[in-house]
Structures are given as C-alpha cells and as structure tokens.
Amino acid sequence: MTDILTIDAGNTRVKWGLFDTYGIMLEHGVCLHCDLANMRLPEASRIVISNVAGTQIRAQLEQILPKNISINWINAQASACGVTNSYEQPKTLGTDRWAALVAAWHINNQPSIVVNAGTAITIDVLNETGIFLGGTIMPGLRLMHDSLGHNTANLAVNLGEIKPFPINTQDAITTGCMNAALGAILITAERLQAHYNRPPAIIITGGDAVIIKENLINEVTKQAIIVDNLVLQGLYLLEKLIPQTIKKSDPQ
C-alpha cells in the first residue's frame, strides 16, 4: 500500500484526505477540535500533517495516529515543488499557506492569488516563476462579525444578508465584513493586473470560498475559481515529491 494520508489541522477544524499514488483523493473527512478523540482515520503507508492549531491539538492528534507509520509534520521551506518562499524567515510561514501555494502552483503555473477563507482569510501571491511574493492575513467573515458583536454594546450579533445598501444593522455588519474581504482580494488583484497587464488567476479555498466567489463580480476578479481541499492537495505534493520524515516526538 502506497496511499498517503494528509491532515490539515486548522484553527477550528481538522480535515483529512487519503490520496493514492497518482494523487487521486480516495476518501476525505473533517471534524471539529472538540471531536478529535473520536476521529477515525483510514489506513495509509505515510502521513503528512500541517498543524497551525498549536501544541494541544498536535498532542491530541498524536494520541489517535498509528505508532508504526512514517509521519511528516511539515514546516515551510525556502523552496519546494517549484515554489520559492520569499518570507523573511521561511519557516515562520504558516504550513497551511505553504501547502496551498504549492498546490496552486501545480494547478496554474502562472501569476496567481491564493485565497484561503476560513477562520482567518489569507491572500497570498505567486509570480510567473513560482516565487511567493508575500501575502496578507485578516480575520475571517465570522470572526469579523463576532468581534463586533462581542466588543460593542448596541450592535446586532445575528448574521444578516449581503445587500448593496443595507438598511438594518444585521445586514450592515454582514455586508461590511464581506466588503472588507472582497476589497482585500480586489486590491491584490489590481496590483497584479497592473504589473502583468492582465487579470491574475485567483484560486479560493476554505469554508467561505463559495460565498466569497459569488460576490467577486469585479472585472479583475470574476475569473476566480474554487478548489476544494487545496491544502490537502499541497500536502500530498510535498510528501510525494520531497518526502522527509519528522518523528512525532519532535517539536513543532
């Protein structure tokens, strides 16, 4: 058996995908952090993990992972799989962002914006030669919304609808949060378009990918596509093309 199990431990959920030797995802699943003890994983010959959820989640994962299989807890690198990492300290780039960039480059091989829309929204940029130019991190839609509800006295906490010109507080907050995310993507796209004289490729992944894609109607961003499980795809590529085993007992 040469199947590779990929695990993406994010800020809220843990996602996993089982890939065969040809890169086809055979199975996948997801669970909340609070359900980790009950998560059941398929058998595999190798396991590769991105963990941005901290040491406590890593410890919980180690309790349910098999003890006799090669496990690779990845770190971002200076370069891998055709992507060059321009972060000032490459290893400090989030492993989920790194894996998503690798997957995006193998999908497009062109100047691209990679948007991961989850608890946080990351907007990262690749140039025409696979160099990661940099990116931004902002609160996700729900986190933006909840921060207003929790830190103000008179603002509604229930989700509203996205409207061109909201006329109630719930819609005003929900629309404002969406506009913030769309504006950040649009600014990045306009900067790339100015450099390359054409709209850049935009790949969106994560739990809020669909609603963000539905609202990206500007000419510079309307070519955006959704790619599910982008981080898991990148983890597969990192493990398949440059396998490197890190013992489970090693520090994160």
Protein backbone atom coordinates (compact mmCIF):
# COMPACT_ATOMS: atom_id res chain seq x y z
CA MET A 1 0.00 0.00 0.00
CA THR A 2 1.40 3.40 -1.01
CA ASP A 3 -1.52 5.61 -0.01
CA ILE A 4 -0.68 8.96 1.63
CA LEU A 5 -2.90 10.36 4.37
CA THR A 6 -2.88 14.17 4.52
CA ILE A 7 -4.09 16.06 7.59
CA ASP A 8 -4.79 19.79 7.80
CA ALA A 9 -5.21 20.88 11.43
CA GLY A 10 -6.68 24.37 11.20
CA ASN A 11 -7.85 26.87 13.77
CA THR A 12 -11.33 25.38 14.10
CA ARG A 13 -11.40 22.01 12.34
CA VAL A 14 -9.19 19.14 11.30
CA LYS A 15 -9.55 17.95 7.70
CA TRP A 16 -8.02 14.83 6.22
CA GLY A 17 -7.74 13.26 2.80
CA LEU A 18 -6.40 9.91 1.61
CA PHE A 19 -4.55 10.03 -1.72
CA ASP A 20 -3.40 7.15 -3.89
CA THR A 21 0.00 7.10 -5.57
CA TYR A 22 -1.42 9.01 -8.58
CA GLY A 23 -2.70 11.90 -6.49
CA ILE A 24 -6.37 10.93 -6.60
CA MET A 25 -8.24 11.59 -3.37
CA LEU A 26 -9.91 8.34 -2.34
CA GLU A 27 -11.55 9.47 0.90
CA HIS A 28 -11.80 12.62 2.95
CA GLY A 29 -13.32 13.83 6.19
CA VAL A 30 -13.47 16.65 8.70
CA CYS A 31 -14.10 17.08 12.40
CA LEU A 32 -14.17 19.86 14.96
CA HIS A 33 -11.40 20.12 17.52
CA CYS A 34 -13.79 19.00 20.25
CA ASP A 35 -14.42 15.72 18.39
CA LEU A 36 -10.79 14.78 17.75
CA ALA A 37 -10.78 11.88 20.20
CA ASN A 38 -13.48 10.20 18.10
CA MET A 39 -11.98 10.90 14.67
CA ARG A 40 -11.37 7.72 12.69
CA LEU A 41 -8.64 7.78 10.07
CA PRO A 42 -8.11 5.33 7.20
CA GLU A 43 -5.01 3.18 6.90
CA ALA A 44 -2.09 4.60 4.91
CA SER A 45 1.58 3.94 4.33
CA ARG A 46 2.63 7.54 5.08
CA ILE A 47 1.08 10.51 6.86
CA VAL A 48 1.82 14.20 6.30
CA ILE A 49 0.41 16.90 8.56
CA SER A 50 0.03 20.67 8.56
CA ASN A 51 -0.75 21.94 12.04
CA VAL A 52 -1.46 25.62 12.70
CA ALA A 53 -3.68 24.85 15.70
CA GLY A 54 -0.94 24.67 18.31
CA THR A 55 0.68 22.12 20.58
CA GLN A 56 -2.51 20.96 22.30
CA ILE A 57 -4.11 19.87 19.03
CA ARG A 58 -0.85 18.22 17.99
CA ALA A 59 -0.83 16.25 21.23
CA GLN A 60 -4.42 15.12 20.65
CA LEU A 61 -3.58 14.05 17.11
CA GLU A 62 -0.60 12.06 18.33
CA GLN A 63 -2.94 10.10 20.58
CA ILE A 64 -5.00 8.83 17.64
CA LEU A 65 -2.28 8.45 15.00
CA PRO A 66 -0.81 5.00 14.35
CA LYS A 67 2.54 4.39 16.02
CA ASN A 68 4.27 2.40 13.28
CA ILE A 69 3.89 4.69 10.24
CA SER A 70 6.12 7.42 8.83
CA ILE A 71 4.71 10.80 9.91
CA ASN A 72 5.86 14.12 8.47
CA TRP A 73 4.89 17.24 10.45
CA ILE A 74 5.79 19.76 7.79
CA ASN A 75 7.41 23.16 8.09
CA ALA A 76 7.54 25.75 5.34
CA GLN A 77 10.83 25.70 3.46
CA ALA A 78 12.88 28.14 1.40
CA SER A 79 11.78 26.27 -1.73
CA ALA A 80 9.94 23.11 -2.67
CA CYS A 81 7.95 21.66 -5.58
CA GLY A 82 8.72 24.62 -7.83
CA VAL A 83 7.70 27.29 -5.30
CA THR A 84 10.20 29.73 -3.77
CA ASN A 85 9.35 31.13 -0.35
CA SER A 86 10.22 34.84 0.00
CA TYR A 87 9.20 35.15 3.63
CA GLU A 88 11.88 36.90 5.70
CA GLN A 89 12.07 33.74 7.81
CA PRO A 90 10.70 30.97 5.55
CA LYS A 91 9.93 28.52 8.36
CA THR A 92 7.59 31.03 10.01
CA LEU A 93 5.16 30.93 7.09
CA GLY A 94 2.05 29.00 8.11
CA THR A 95 2.22 25.42 6.91
CA ASP A 96 -1.33 25.62 5.54
CA ARG A 97 -0.41 28.66 3.46
CA TRP A 98 2.74 26.91 2.23
CA ALA A 99 0.86 23.78 1.19
CA ALA A 100 -1.85 25.83 -0.54
CA LEU A 101 0.79 27.76 -2.51
CA VAL A 102 2.42 24.52 -3.68
CA ALA A 103 -0.93 23.13 -4.82
CA ALA A 104 -1.90 26.37 -6.55
CA TRP A 105 1.37 26.48 -8.48
CA HIS A 106 0.86 22.94 -9.74
CA ILE A 107 -2.66 23.83 -10.85
CA ASN A 108 -1.85 27.09 -12.65
CA ASN A 109 1.87 27.69 -13.28
CA GLN A 110 1.10 31.39 -13.69
CA PRO A 111 0.75 34.56 -11.62
CA SER A 112 -1.89 33.71 -9.06
CA ILE A 113 -3.68 34.87 -5.95
CA VAL A 114 -4.36 32.12 -3.44
CA VAL A 115 -7.20 32.86 -1.02
CA ASN A 116 -7.85 30.57 1.94
CA ALA A 117 -11.12 31.69 3.52
CA GLY A 118 -11.56 30.06 6.90
CA THR A 119 -11.35 31.28 10.49
CA ALA A 120 -8.78 33.69 9.10
CA ILE A 121 -8.54 34.81 5.48
CA THR A 122 -5.12 34.62 3.87
CA ILE A 123 -4.43 36.22 0.50
CA ASP A 124 -1.11 35.09 -0.96
CA VAL A 125 0.57 35.89 -4.27
CA LEU A 126 2.67 33.81 -6.66
CA ASN A 127 4.50 35.36 -9.61
CA GLU A 128 5.09 33.89 -13.06
CA THR A 129 8.08 31.79 -11.94
CA GLY A 130 6.55 30.35 -8.77
CA ILE A 131 8.02 32.86 -6.34
CA PHE A 132 5.79 33.56 -3.36
CA LEU A 133 5.87 37.36 -3.26
CA GLY A 134 4.06 37.70 0.06
CA GLY A 135 0.55 37.91 1.37
CA THR A 136 -1.87 39.20 3.97
CA ILE A 137 -3.79 37.76 6.89
CA MET A 138 -7.10 39.13 8.10
CA PRO A 139 -9.98 37.89 10.26
CA GLY A 140 -12.41 35.56 8.53
CA LEU A 141 -16.00 36.59 7.87
CA ARG A 142 -17.38 35.03 11.04
CA LEU A 143 -14.52 36.30 13.18
CA MET A 144 -15.04 39.85 11.93
CA HIS A 145 -18.77 39.59 12.58
CA ASP A 146 -18.38 38.11 16.06
CA SER A 147 -15.78 40.67 17.10
CA LEU A 148 -18.30 43.46 16.53
CA GLY A 149 -20.98 41.63 18.47
CA HIS A 150 -18.69 40.86 21.39
CA ASN A 151 -16.92 44.20 21.63
CA THR A 152 -19.74 46.68 21.10
CA ALA A 153 -22.79 47.36 23.23
CA ASN A 154 -25.55 48.00 20.73
CA LEU A 155 -24.71 46.10 17.55
CA ALA A 156 -26.63 43.02 16.43
CA VAL A 157 -24.87 39.66 16.75
CA ASN A 158 -27.09 37.65 14.39
CA LEU A 159 -25.98 37.17 10.81
CA GLY A 160 -27.73 39.31 8.23
CA GLU A 161 -27.78 39.33 4.45
CA ILE A 162 -25.38 40.86 1.96
CA LYS A 163 -27.04 43.90 0.40
CA PRO A 164 -25.84 46.67 -1.94
CA PHE A 165 -27.05 49.30 0.54
CA PRO A 166 -28.05 47.73 3.88
CA ILE A 167 -30.89 49.38 5.80
CA ASN A 168 -30.69 47.39 9.05
CA THR A 169 -27.85 46.71 11.46
CA GLN A 170 -27.60 42.96 10.89
CA ASP A 171 -27.28 43.38 7.13
CA ALA A 172 -24.90 46.31 7.59
CA ILE A 173 -22.48 44.20 9.64
CA THR A 174 -22.66 41.14 7.39
CA THR A 175 -22.22 43.25 4.26
CA GLY A 176 -19.39 45.23 5.81
CA CYS A 177 -17.49 42.06 6.68
CA MET A 178 -17.91 40.71 3.16
CA ASN A 179 -16.87 44.03 1.62
CA ALA A 180 -13.70 44.00 3.71
CA ALA A 181 -12.75 40.56 2.37
CA LEU A 182 -13.68 41.43 -1.21
CA GLY A 183 -11.77 44.70 -1.03
CA ALA A 184 -8.61 42.97 0.18
CA ILE A 185 -8.79 40.48 -2.70
CA LEU A 186 -9.58 43.21 -5.23
CA ILE A 187 -6.66 45.41 -4.15
CA THR A 188 -4.28 42.47 -4.52
CA ALA A 189 -5.73 41.56 -7.93
CA GLU A 190 -5.45 45.13 -9.21
CA ARG A 191 -1.80 45.29 -8.17
CA LEU A 192 -1.02 42.08 -10.04
CA GLN A 193 -3.00 43.17 -13.09
CA ALA A 194 -1.09 46.46 -13.21
CA HIS A 195 2.17 44.51 -13.30
CA TYR A 196 1.20 41.82 -15.83
CA ASN A 197 -1.38 43.75 -17.89
CA ARG A 198 -3.95 41.00 -17.46
CA PRO A 199 -6.21 39.78 -14.65
CA PRO A 200 -4.40 37.26 -12.44
CA ALA A 201 -5.60 33.74 -11.75
CA ILE A 202 -7.43 33.55 -8.43
CA ILE A 203 -7.88 30.31 -6.51
CA ILE A 204 -10.19 30.31 -3.49
CA THR A 205 -10.44 27.54 -0.92
CA GLY A 206 -11.79 27.17 2.60
CA GLY A 207 -15.18 27.15 4.29
CA ASP A 208 -16.26 30.58 2.99
CA ALA A 209 -14.96 30.07 -0.55
CA VAL A 210 -18.39 29.78 -2.16
CA ILE A 211 -19.93 32.93 -0.69
CA ILE A 212 -16.81 34.97 -1.42
CA LYS A 213 -16.67 33.69 -5.01
CA GLU A 214 -20.35 34.57 -5.51
CA ASN A 215 -19.63 38.17 -4.57
CA LEU A 216 -16.42 38.66 -6.58
CA ILE A 217 -18.07 40.34 -9.56
CA ASN A 218 -15.42 42.90 -10.50
CA GLU A 219 -13.80 42.51 -13.94
CA VAL A 220 -10.42 41.96 -12.30
CA THR A 221 -11.65 39.14 -10.08
CA LYS A 222 -14.55 37.45 -11.89
CA GLN A 223 -12.26 34.69 -13.21
CA ALA A 224 -11.76 33.31 -9.69
CA ILE A 225 -12.22 29.56 -9.23
CA ILE A 226 -12.89 27.42 -6.18
CA VAL A 227 -10.59 24.49 -5.45
CA ASP A 228 -11.70 22.29 -2.58
CA ASN A 229 -9.11 20.79 -0.24
CA LEU A 230 -6.27 22.87 -1.67
CA VAL A 231 -4.14 22.46 1.47
CA LEU A 232 -4.58 18.68 1.41
CA GLN A 233 -3.54 18.62 -2.25
CA GLY A 234 -0.43 20.62 -1.41
CA LEU A 235 0.43 18.30 1.46
CA TYR A 236 0.22 15.33 -0.88
CA LEU A 237 2.60 17.02 -3.33
CA LEU A 238 5.06 17.94 -0.59
CA GLU A 239 5.11 14.38 0.71
CA LYS A 240 5.16 12.73 -2.70
CA LEU A 241 7.83 14.90 -4.30
CA ILE A 242 10.11 15.63 -1.34
CA PRO A 243 9.39 13.08 1.41
CA GLN A 244 11.08 13.87 4.70
CA THR A 245 10.16 12.13 7.91
CA ILE A 246 9.98 14.07 11.15
CA LYS A 247 9.44 11.98 14.26
CA LYS A 248 6.21 12.54 16.13
CA SER A 249 8.18 13.48 19.25
CA ASP A 250 9.99 16.35 17.51
CA PRO A 251 8.90 19.88 18.50
CA GLN A 252 6.52 21.65 16.14
